[in-house]
Every structure is written in C-alpha cells, then in structure tokens.
C-alpha cells in the first residue's frame, strides 16, 4: 500500500509543474486537470499490474484504453472557431501528462 501511495505522490509531483504553469497562464485546463490525469493513469496502471500480473499483453490493452480515454478528454480541449483552432497544445499536454503518470506506475 505504501509503495502505491509513493508512486501516486510521484505522479502528482511530476505533473504539478505543468499544471501550475497552465493554471498561471489561465489556460482551459489547469491544476486540477493535469494532476488528476497523472494520478488516475498511474492508479489505473498500478491496478492493472496488481490484477493482471506481469502479463505484457494485458497491461498493453489497459494502456491502449487509457490512451483512447485521454485522447477523448484532450479532444474536448480543442476548439475550432471562425477558421482558427485553439487548444491543441492543451490536448498534447494532457496526453503527455498521462504518459508521465503511466511511466511512474
């Protein structure tokens, strides 16, 4: 249990600088979004490792599901208005933060 809490804390700490920067610049996603993405992806991967063991195939399927879900969240940050597209950097940052959370797991 302590190992899991440590990993979740590391995922939070690694996402915090990105989240803080985005919050200070008043972007569409900020402190809560980025830290939650990192913690949740780390938590899901740890749960998968515990439930599924060392099976690389099973963990790969969980990672693929996480990528799809995070891509969906990121796509919600992208807005197209009057010939301009905004939010692509936010979407990419959300996806990157998910990768950090997963790597910690």
Protein backbone atom coordinates (compact mmCIF):
# COMPACT_ATOMS: atom_id res chain seq x y z
CA UNK A 1 0.00 0.00 0.00
CA UNK A 2 2.81 2.39 0.87
CA UNK A 3 4.51 1.71 -2.47
CA UNK A 4 1.31 2.64 -4.32
CA UNK A 5 0.91 5.85 -2.34
CA UNK A 6 4.52 6.74 -3.09
CA UNK A 7 4.01 6.17 -6.82
CA UNK A 8 0.81 8.25 -6.84
CA UNK A 9 2.65 11.02 -5.00
CA UNK A 10 5.47 10.94 -7.55
CA UNK A 11 2.98 11.15 -10.42
CA UNK A 12 1.34 14.14 -8.70
CA UNK A 13 4.70 15.83 -8.12
CA UNK A 14 5.80 15.36 -11.73
CA UNK A 15 2.52 16.75 -13.09
CA UNK A 16 2.46 19.70 -10.72
CA UNK A 17 4.91 21.99 -12.61
CA UNK A 18 3.00 21.55 -15.87
CA UNK A 19 -0.31 22.06 -14.10
CA UNK A 20 0.91 25.12 -12.22
CA UNK A 21 2.26 26.72 -15.41
CA UNK A 22 -1.02 26.13 -17.25
CA UNK A 23 -3.01 27.45 -14.28
CA UNK A 24 -0.95 30.64 -14.07
CA UNK A 25 -1.39 31.29 -17.79
CA UNK A 26 -5.15 30.80 -17.38
CA UNK A 27 -5.41 28.04 -19.98
CA UNK A 28 -8.50 25.91 -20.41
CA UNK A 29 -7.04 23.05 -18.35
CA UNK A 30 -5.05 23.71 -15.22
CA UNK A 31 -4.08 22.49 -11.81
CA UNK A 32 -6.89 20.02 -11.23
CA UNK A 33 -6.99 18.57 -14.72
CA UNK A 34 -3.29 17.79 -15.11
CA UNK A 35 -2.76 16.39 -11.64
CA UNK A 36 -5.88 14.24 -11.90
CA UNK A 37 -4.78 12.88 -15.28
CA UNK A 38 -1.36 11.91 -13.91
CA UNK A 39 -2.73 10.36 -10.73
CA UNK A 40 -5.55 8.49 -12.46
CA UNK A 41 -3.39 7.00 -15.21
CA UNK A 42 -0.82 5.96 -12.62
CA UNK A 43 -3.57 4.43 -10.48
CA UNK A 44 -5.18 2.55 -13.35
CA UNK A 45 -1.85 1.10 -14.46
CA UNK A 46 -0.97 0.06 -10.91
CA UNK A 47 -4.37 -1.59 -10.54
CA UNK A 48 -3.84 -3.40 -13.83
CA UNK A 49 -0.41 -4.60 -12.73
CA UNK A 50 -1.85 -5.87 -9.47
CA UNK A 51 -4.90 -7.53 -11.02
CA UNK A 52 -3.32 -8.86 -14.20
CA UNK A 53 0.19 -9.62 -13.02
CA UNK A 54 3.19 -9.30 -15.29
CA UNK A 55 1.29 -10.06 -18.50
CA UNK A 56 2.59 -7.57 -21.03
CA UNK A 57 -0.38 -8.20 -23.33
CA UNK A 58 -2.92 -7.39 -20.62
CA UNK A 59 -1.05 -4.28 -19.50
CA UNK A 60 -0.78 -3.17 -23.12
CA UNK A 61 -4.55 -3.38 -23.50
CA UNK A 62 -5.05 -1.26 -20.38
CA UNK A 63 -2.55 1.31 -21.71
CA UNK A 64 -4.37 1.37 -25.05
CA UNK A 65 -7.66 2.02 -23.26
CA UNK A 66 -6.08 4.82 -21.25
CA UNK A 67 -4.68 6.41 -24.41
CA UNK A 68 -8.10 6.33 -26.02
CA UNK A 69 -9.79 7.85 -22.98
CA UNK A 70 -7.19 10.57 -22.54
CA UNK A 71 -7.39 11.32 -26.26
CA UNK A 72 -11.11 11.83 -25.81
CA UNK A 73 -10.51 14.25 -22.93
CA UNK A 74 -7.88 16.08 -24.97
CA UNK A 75 -10.18 16.38 -27.94
CA UNK A 76 -12.61 18.24 -25.72
CA UNK A 77 -9.94 20.90 -25.18
CA UNK A 78 -9.61 21.60 -28.91
CA UNK A 79 -11.93 24.30 -30.24
CA UNK A 80 -12.43 25.40 -33.82
CA UNK A 81 -13.94 28.84 -34.27
CA UNK A 82 -14.02 31.11 -37.30
CA UNK A 83 -11.19 29.40 -39.14
CA UNK A 84 -8.86 29.11 -36.14
CA UNK A 85 -8.05 26.11 -33.99
CA UNK A 86 -7.18 26.53 -30.32
CA UNK A 87 -6.32 24.05 -27.61
CA UNK A 88 -4.02 21.68 -29.45
CA UNK A 89 -1.17 22.41 -27.03
CA UNK A 90 -3.52 21.73 -24.12
CA UNK A 91 -4.58 18.41 -25.66
CA UNK A 92 -0.96 17.42 -26.25
CA UNK A 93 -0.05 18.41 -22.69
CA UNK A 94 -2.88 16.31 -21.28
CA UNK A 95 -1.70 13.31 -23.28
CA UNK A 96 1.90 13.89 -22.18
CA UNK A 97 0.86 14.11 -18.54
CA UNK A 98 -0.95 10.78 -18.93
CA UNK A 99 2.26 9.25 -20.26
CA UNK A 100 4.14 10.58 -17.22
CA UNK A 101 1.59 9.06 -14.86
CA UNK A 102 1.76 5.74 -16.65
CA UNK A 103 5.55 5.73 -16.65
CA UNK A 104 5.56 6.23 -12.89
CA UNK A 105 3.34 3.17 -12.48
